[in-house]
Amino acid sequence: MDDAVTCPSCNSEHAYQDRGLWVCPECGHEWSGTADAAAEASSEAGVRDANGNVLADGDSVIVIKDLKIKGSSSVVKGGTKVRNIRLQDASDGHNIACKIDGIGAMNLKSEFVKKA
């Protein structure tokens, strides 16, 4: 290893290369290429679902767990399919705007959905 490569996730100096990937033994993070390529990939990534798939406006997603709605006794059940999502920048993490049948318009966090 010519250059010391640090993990972009935890900044560990113990990263090693395994075939085409760099691996961090401390946090388990894997990335391809150099640290610069990893930084570019993360900036281009956009909004990702719970499985790491990139989401776009108009996609359909499935809720992966029951979600309680604040200020209501209603619950969005796991397995509910949500069509035609809109991505938004939100400081509180609710980066998906959508309408759910039977509930209405609401915002979801991308970590609680998977791409359909």
Protein backbone atom coordinates (compact mmCIF):
# COMPACT_ATOMS: atom_id res chain seq x y z
CA MET A 1 0.00 0.00 0.00
CA ASP A 2 1.74 3.15 -1.24
CA ASP A 3 -0.59 5.84 0.13
CA ALA A 4 -2.33 5.74 3.48
CA VAL A 5 -6.05 5.62 2.69
CA THR A 6 -8.46 6.59 5.44
CA CYS A 7 -12.04 5.41 5.74
CA PRO A 8 -14.49 8.15 4.64
CA SER A 9 -16.96 6.94 7.27
CA CYS A 10 -14.88 6.73 10.47
CA ASN A 11 -11.46 8.12 9.37
CA SER A 12 -9.67 4.93 10.35
CA GLU A 13 -6.16 4.55 8.93
CA HIS A 14 -6.42 0.75 8.82
CA ALA A 15 -8.32 0.48 5.51
CA TYR A 16 -7.15 -2.19 3.08
CA GLN A 17 -7.88 -3.04 -0.54
CA ASP A 18 -9.79 -6.21 -1.44
CA ARG A 19 -9.97 -6.64 -5.24
CA GLY A 20 -11.66 -3.45 -6.49
CA LEU A 21 -12.96 -2.26 -3.10
CA TRP A 22 -11.44 -0.58 -0.09
CA VAL A 23 -12.59 -2.05 3.24
CA CYS A 24 -12.47 -0.59 6.74
CA PRO A 25 -12.03 -3.31 9.39
CA GLU A 26 -13.18 -1.02 12.21
CA CYS A 27 -16.60 0.07 10.91
CA GLY A 28 -17.12 -2.36 8.01
CA HIS A 29 -17.58 0.42 5.43
CA GLU A 30 -16.69 -0.51 1.82
CA TRP A 31 -16.03 1.86 -1.07
CA SER A 32 -14.54 1.67 -4.53
CA GLY A 33 -11.51 3.44 -5.94
CA THR A 34 -9.76 6.18 -4.02
CA ALA A 35 -11.06 8.35 -1.22
CA ASP A 36 -11.71 11.13 -3.78
CA ALA A 37 -13.95 8.85 -5.84
CA ALA A 38 -15.86 7.88 -2.69
CA ALA A 39 -16.44 11.53 -1.81
CA GLU A 40 -17.73 12.26 -5.33
CA ALA A 41 -20.03 9.24 -5.25
CA SER A 42 -21.55 10.28 -1.93
CA SER A 43 -22.20 13.83 -3.17
CA GLU A 44 -23.92 12.52 -6.33
CA ALA A 45 -25.88 9.87 -4.44
CA GLY A 46 -28.99 11.92 -3.70
CA VAL A 47 -31.75 10.40 -1.58
CA ARG A 48 -31.43 6.67 -0.87
CA ASP A 49 -33.93 4.20 0.54
CA ALA A 50 -33.33 1.76 3.40
CA ASN A 51 -31.58 -0.68 1.03
CA GLY A 52 -29.32 1.96 -0.54
CA ASN A 53 -31.22 2.34 -3.83
CA VAL A 54 -31.32 5.86 -5.27
CA LEU A 55 -34.80 7.40 -5.26
CA ALA A 56 -36.16 9.87 -7.82
CA ASP A 57 -39.30 11.99 -8.19
CA GLY A 58 -42.26 9.88 -9.33
CA ASP A 59 -40.96 6.57 -7.93
CA SER A 60 -43.12 4.16 -5.97
CA VAL A 61 -41.95 3.02 -2.54
CA ILE A 62 -43.10 0.56 0.11
CA VAL A 63 -43.12 1.43 3.82
CA ILE A 64 -40.97 -1.14 5.68
CA LYS A 65 -42.35 -0.75 9.21
CA ASP A 66 -45.41 0.60 11.00
CA LEU A 67 -45.15 4.38 11.38
CA LYS A 68 -47.18 6.29 13.96
CA ILE A 69 -48.49 9.65 12.77
CA LYS A 70 -47.87 12.53 15.16
CA GLY A 71 -51.01 14.15 16.47
CA SER A 72 -53.23 11.31 15.31
CA SER A 73 -54.16 7.81 16.32
CA SER A 74 -53.61 6.60 12.75
CA VAL A 75 -50.74 4.33 11.73
CA VAL A 76 -49.14 3.79 8.33
CA LYS A 77 -48.80 0.00 8.19
CA GLY A 78 -45.65 -1.70 6.99
CA GLY A 79 -46.09 -2.92 3.42
CA THR A 80 -48.14 0.11 2.35
CA LYS A 81 -47.28 1.10 -1.22
CA VAL A 82 -46.86 4.82 -1.84
CA ARG A 83 -46.94 6.00 -5.46
CA ASN A 84 -45.57 9.13 -7.12
CA ILE A 85 -43.25 10.44 -4.39
CA ARG A 86 -41.64 13.89 -4.50
CA LEU A 87 -38.17 14.44 -3.09
CA GLN A 88 -37.53 17.55 -1.00
CA ASP A 89 -34.73 19.06 1.05
CA ALA A 90 -35.70 18.98 4.70
CA SER A 91 -33.62 19.76 7.76
CA ASP A 92 -35.61 17.34 9.93
CA GLY A 93 -34.91 14.31 7.71
CA HIS A 94 -38.40 14.00 6.19
CA ASN A 95 -37.15 14.12 2.61
CA ILE A 96 -40.09 12.43 0.83
CA ALA A 97 -43.43 14.20 0.25
CA CYS A 98 -46.33 11.96 -0.75
CA LYS A 99 -50.03 11.17 -0.49
CA ILE A 100 -51.07 7.94 1.20
CA ASP A 101 -54.48 6.46 0.43
CA GLY A 102 -56.79 6.74 3.43
CA ILE A 103 -54.46 9.11 5.29
CA GLY A 104 -53.62 12.03 2.97
CA ALA A 105 -50.57 14.17 2.33
CA MET A 106 -47.56 13.61 4.55
CA ASN A 107 -43.77 13.57 4.67
CA LEU A 108 -41.68 10.41 5.20
CA LYS A 109 -38.07 9.70 6.00
CA SER A 110 -36.28 7.74 3.28
CA GLU A 111 -34.81 5.34 5.88
CA PHE A 112 -38.28 3.83 6.43
CA VAL A 113 -39.08 2.99 2.79
CA LYS A 114 -37.75 0.72 0.07
CA LYS A 115 -38.04 1.18 -3.66
CA ALA A 116 -40.92 -0.79 -5.20
